[in-house]
Every structure is written in C-alpha cells, then in structure tokens.
Amino acid sequence: MRLASLSLPHLRITFHLAVAEAQPVRVEVFDLLGRRRALLLASSVVPVSDAAFTIEALLARTYVLRMSAPDGVVTRTFTVF
C-alpha cells in the first residue's frame, strides 16, 4: 500500500494511491490536534489510482493525510500556505 506524489497546486490536493488489489480505501485529512477536517475518499479503489480534491476550506497550517485500507495505514503531512 502506497500514498505518494502529494502536491498542492491552486488549492487542490493531488495524490497517487497504490494498493495490492482492488479494496475499500478511506482517505482523510486531520489537523495536528487529531481532529478530522475532511473525508476525501471512502470507496473501493483499483490497484493504482490518482485523485484530486479541493482544499479551499482548510486554514493555512500543517495537516496529515491518512489513507487506511485492509492492508494497513499510510500517512503523509502537507502544509497549506
């Protein structure tokens, strides 16, 4: 399971998901106090997918992007300026 290629152009978050096989995946954004700020994806994902979401509702600070699936959990941090 992999979460890579995180970029933030023009108030959009774009990331690349890779899992061993098609399976249910949940992608969420948390602030550094552990509060969930957004649910970006909650569905089945094919083994390799790209996704992009608008993040204009997020304040300027650092966040944690968390991908969870039956294979495990992967996290990445990102900063909104």
C-alpha atoms as a PDB file:
ATOM      1  CA  MET A   1       0.000   0.000   0.000  1.00  0.00           C
ATOM      2  CA  ARG A   2       1.423   3.373  -1.002  1.00  0.00           C
ATOM      3  CA  LEU A   3       0.406   7.004  -0.885  1.00  0.00           C
ATOM      4  CA  ALA A   4       2.712   9.171  -2.955  1.00  0.00           C
ATOM      5  CA  SER A   5       3.095  12.187  -5.230  1.00  0.00           C
ATOM      6  CA  LEU A   6       1.448  14.654  -2.902  1.00  0.00           C
ATOM      7  CA  SER A   7       1.171  18.134  -4.429  1.00  0.00           C
ATOM      8  CA  LEU A   8      -0.853  21.253  -3.657  1.00  0.00           C
ATOM      9  CA  PRO A   9      -1.244  23.412  -6.765  1.00  0.00           C
ATOM     10  CA  HIS A  10      -4.011  26.023  -6.776  1.00  0.00           C
ATOM     11  CA  LEU A  11      -5.756  24.905  -3.563  1.00  0.00           C
ATOM     12  CA  ARG A  12      -6.140  21.333  -4.755  1.00  0.00           C
ATOM     13  CA  ILE A  13      -4.514  18.308  -3.209  1.00  0.00           C
ATOM     14  CA  THR A  14      -3.456  15.660  -5.692  1.00  0.00           C
ATOM     15  CA  PHE A  15      -2.150  12.248  -4.681  1.00  0.00           C
ATOM     16  CA  HIS A  16      -1.347   8.859  -6.133  1.00  0.00           C
ATOM     17  CA  LEU A  17      -2.759   5.724  -4.435  1.00  0.00           C
ATOM     18  CA  ALA A  18      -1.361   2.252  -4.935  1.00  0.00           C
ATOM     19  CA  VAL A  19      -2.718  -0.882  -3.251  1.00  0.00           C
ATOM     20  CA  ALA A  20      -2.007  -4.567  -3.881  1.00  0.00           C
ATOM     21  CA  GLU A  21      -5.520  -5.266  -5.209  1.00  0.00           C
ATOM     22  CA  ALA A  22      -8.868  -3.509  -5.531  1.00  0.00           C
ATOM     23  CA  GLN A  23     -10.112  -2.913  -1.983  1.00  0.00           C
ATOM     24  CA  PRO A  24     -12.005  -0.393   0.146  1.00  0.00           C
ATOM     25  CA  VAL A  25      -9.881   2.666   0.914  1.00  0.00           C
ATOM     26  CA  ARG A  26     -10.537   5.660   3.137  1.00  0.00           C
ATOM     27  CA  VAL A  27      -8.557   8.907   2.744  1.00  0.00           C
ATOM     28  CA  GLU A  28      -8.976  11.575   5.420  1.00  0.00           C
ATOM     29  CA  VAL A  29      -7.362  14.876   6.407  1.00  0.00           C
ATOM     30  CA  PHE A  30      -6.586  15.574  10.070  1.00  0.00           C
ATOM     31  CA  ASP A  31      -5.151  18.643  11.770  1.00  0.00           C
ATOM     32  CA  LEU A  32      -2.192  18.213  14.116  1.00  0.00           C
ATOM     33  CA  LEU A  33      -4.547  18.001  17.111  1.00  0.00           C
ATOM     34  CA  GLY A  34      -6.083  14.838  15.629  1.00  0.00           C
ATOM     35  CA  ARG A  35      -9.388  16.394  14.538  1.00  0.00           C
ATOM     36  CA  ARG A  36     -10.726  15.145  11.224  1.00  0.00           C
ATOM     37  CA  ARG A  37     -11.089  18.088   8.822  1.00  0.00           C
ATOM     38  CA  ALA A  38     -12.138  16.270   5.643  1.00  0.00           C
ATOM     39  CA  LEU A  39     -13.101  12.873   4.299  1.00  0.00           C
ATOM     40  CA  LEU A  40     -11.674  12.809   0.774  1.00  0.00           C
ATOM     41  CA  LEU A  41     -12.408   9.260  -0.286  1.00  0.00           C
ATOM     42  CA  ALA A  42     -14.357   6.318   1.122  1.00  0.00           C
ATOM     43  CA  SER A  43     -14.811   3.716  -1.598  1.00  0.00           C
ATOM     44  CA  SER A  44     -13.194   0.850  -3.419  1.00  0.00           C
ATOM     45  CA  VAL A  45     -10.026   1.750  -5.279  1.00  0.00           C
ATOM     46  CA  VAL A  46      -8.388  -0.085  -8.151  1.00  0.00           C
ATOM     47  CA  PRO A  47      -4.751  -1.082  -7.557  1.00  0.00           C
ATOM     48  CA  VAL A  48      -3.388   2.238  -8.892  1.00  0.00           C
ATOM     49  CA  SER A  49      -5.421   5.464  -8.798  1.00  0.00           C
ATOM     50  CA  ASP A  50      -4.896   9.190  -8.894  1.00  0.00           C
ATOM     51  CA  ALA A  51      -7.204  11.523  -7.004  1.00  0.00           C
ATOM     52  CA  ALA A  52      -7.523  15.277  -6.585  1.00  0.00           C
ATOM     53  CA  PHE A  53      -9.690  17.289  -4.211  1.00  0.00           C
ATOM     54  CA  THR A  54     -10.314  20.969  -3.473  1.00  0.00           C
ATOM     55  CA  ILE A  55      -8.922  22.083  -0.101  1.00  0.00           C
ATOM     56  CA  GLU A  56     -10.023  25.723  -0.069  1.00  0.00           C
ATOM     57  CA  ALA A  57     -11.884  25.212   3.241  1.00  0.00           C
ATOM     58  CA  LEU A  58      -8.627  24.406   5.073  1.00  0.00           C
ATOM     59  CA  LEU A  59      -6.823  27.131   7.010  1.00  0.00           C
ATOM     60  CA  ALA A  60      -3.114  27.789   6.489  1.00  0.00           C
ATOM     61  CA  ARG A  61      -1.334  25.177   8.623  1.00  0.00           C
ATOM     62  CA  THR A  62       0.060  21.649   8.549  1.00  0.00           C
ATOM     63  CA  TYR A  63      -2.238  18.645   8.113  1.00  0.00           C
ATOM     64  CA  VAL A  64      -1.977  14.858   7.998  1.00  0.00           C
ATOM     65  CA  LEU A  65      -3.356  12.938   5.023  1.00  0.00           C
ATOM     66  CA  ARG A  66      -4.260   9.421   6.185  1.00  0.00           C
ATOM     67  CA  MET A  67      -5.032   6.517   3.872  1.00  0.00           C
ATOM     68  CA  SER A  68      -6.437   3.410   5.554  1.00  0.00           C
ATOM     69  CA  ALA A  69      -7.253   0.083   3.900  1.00  0.00           C
ATOM     70  CA  PRO A  70      -7.359  -3.567   4.937  1.00  0.00           C
ATOM     71  CA  ASP A  71      -3.606  -3.696   4.095  1.00  0.00           C
ATOM     72  CA  GLY A  72      -2.793  -1.036   6.719  1.00  0.00           C
ATOM     73  CA  VAL A  73      -2.478   2.712   7.220  1.00  0.00           C
ATOM     74  CA  VAL A  74      -0.196   5.233   5.473  1.00  0.00           C
ATOM     75  CA  THR A  75       0.165   8.898   6.426  1.00  0.00           C
ATOM     76  CA  ARG A  76       1.749  11.968   4.821  1.00  0.00           C
ATOM     77  CA  THR A  77       1.910  15.527   6.036  1.00  0.00           C
ATOM     78  CA  PHE A  78       1.258  18.605   3.938  1.00  0.00           C
ATOM     79  CA  THR A  79       1.127  22.340   4.580  1.00  0.00           C
ATOM     80  CA  VAL A  80      -1.429  24.817   3.268  1.00  0.00           C
ATOM     81  CA  PHE A  81       0.029  28.326   2.902  1.00  0.00           C
END
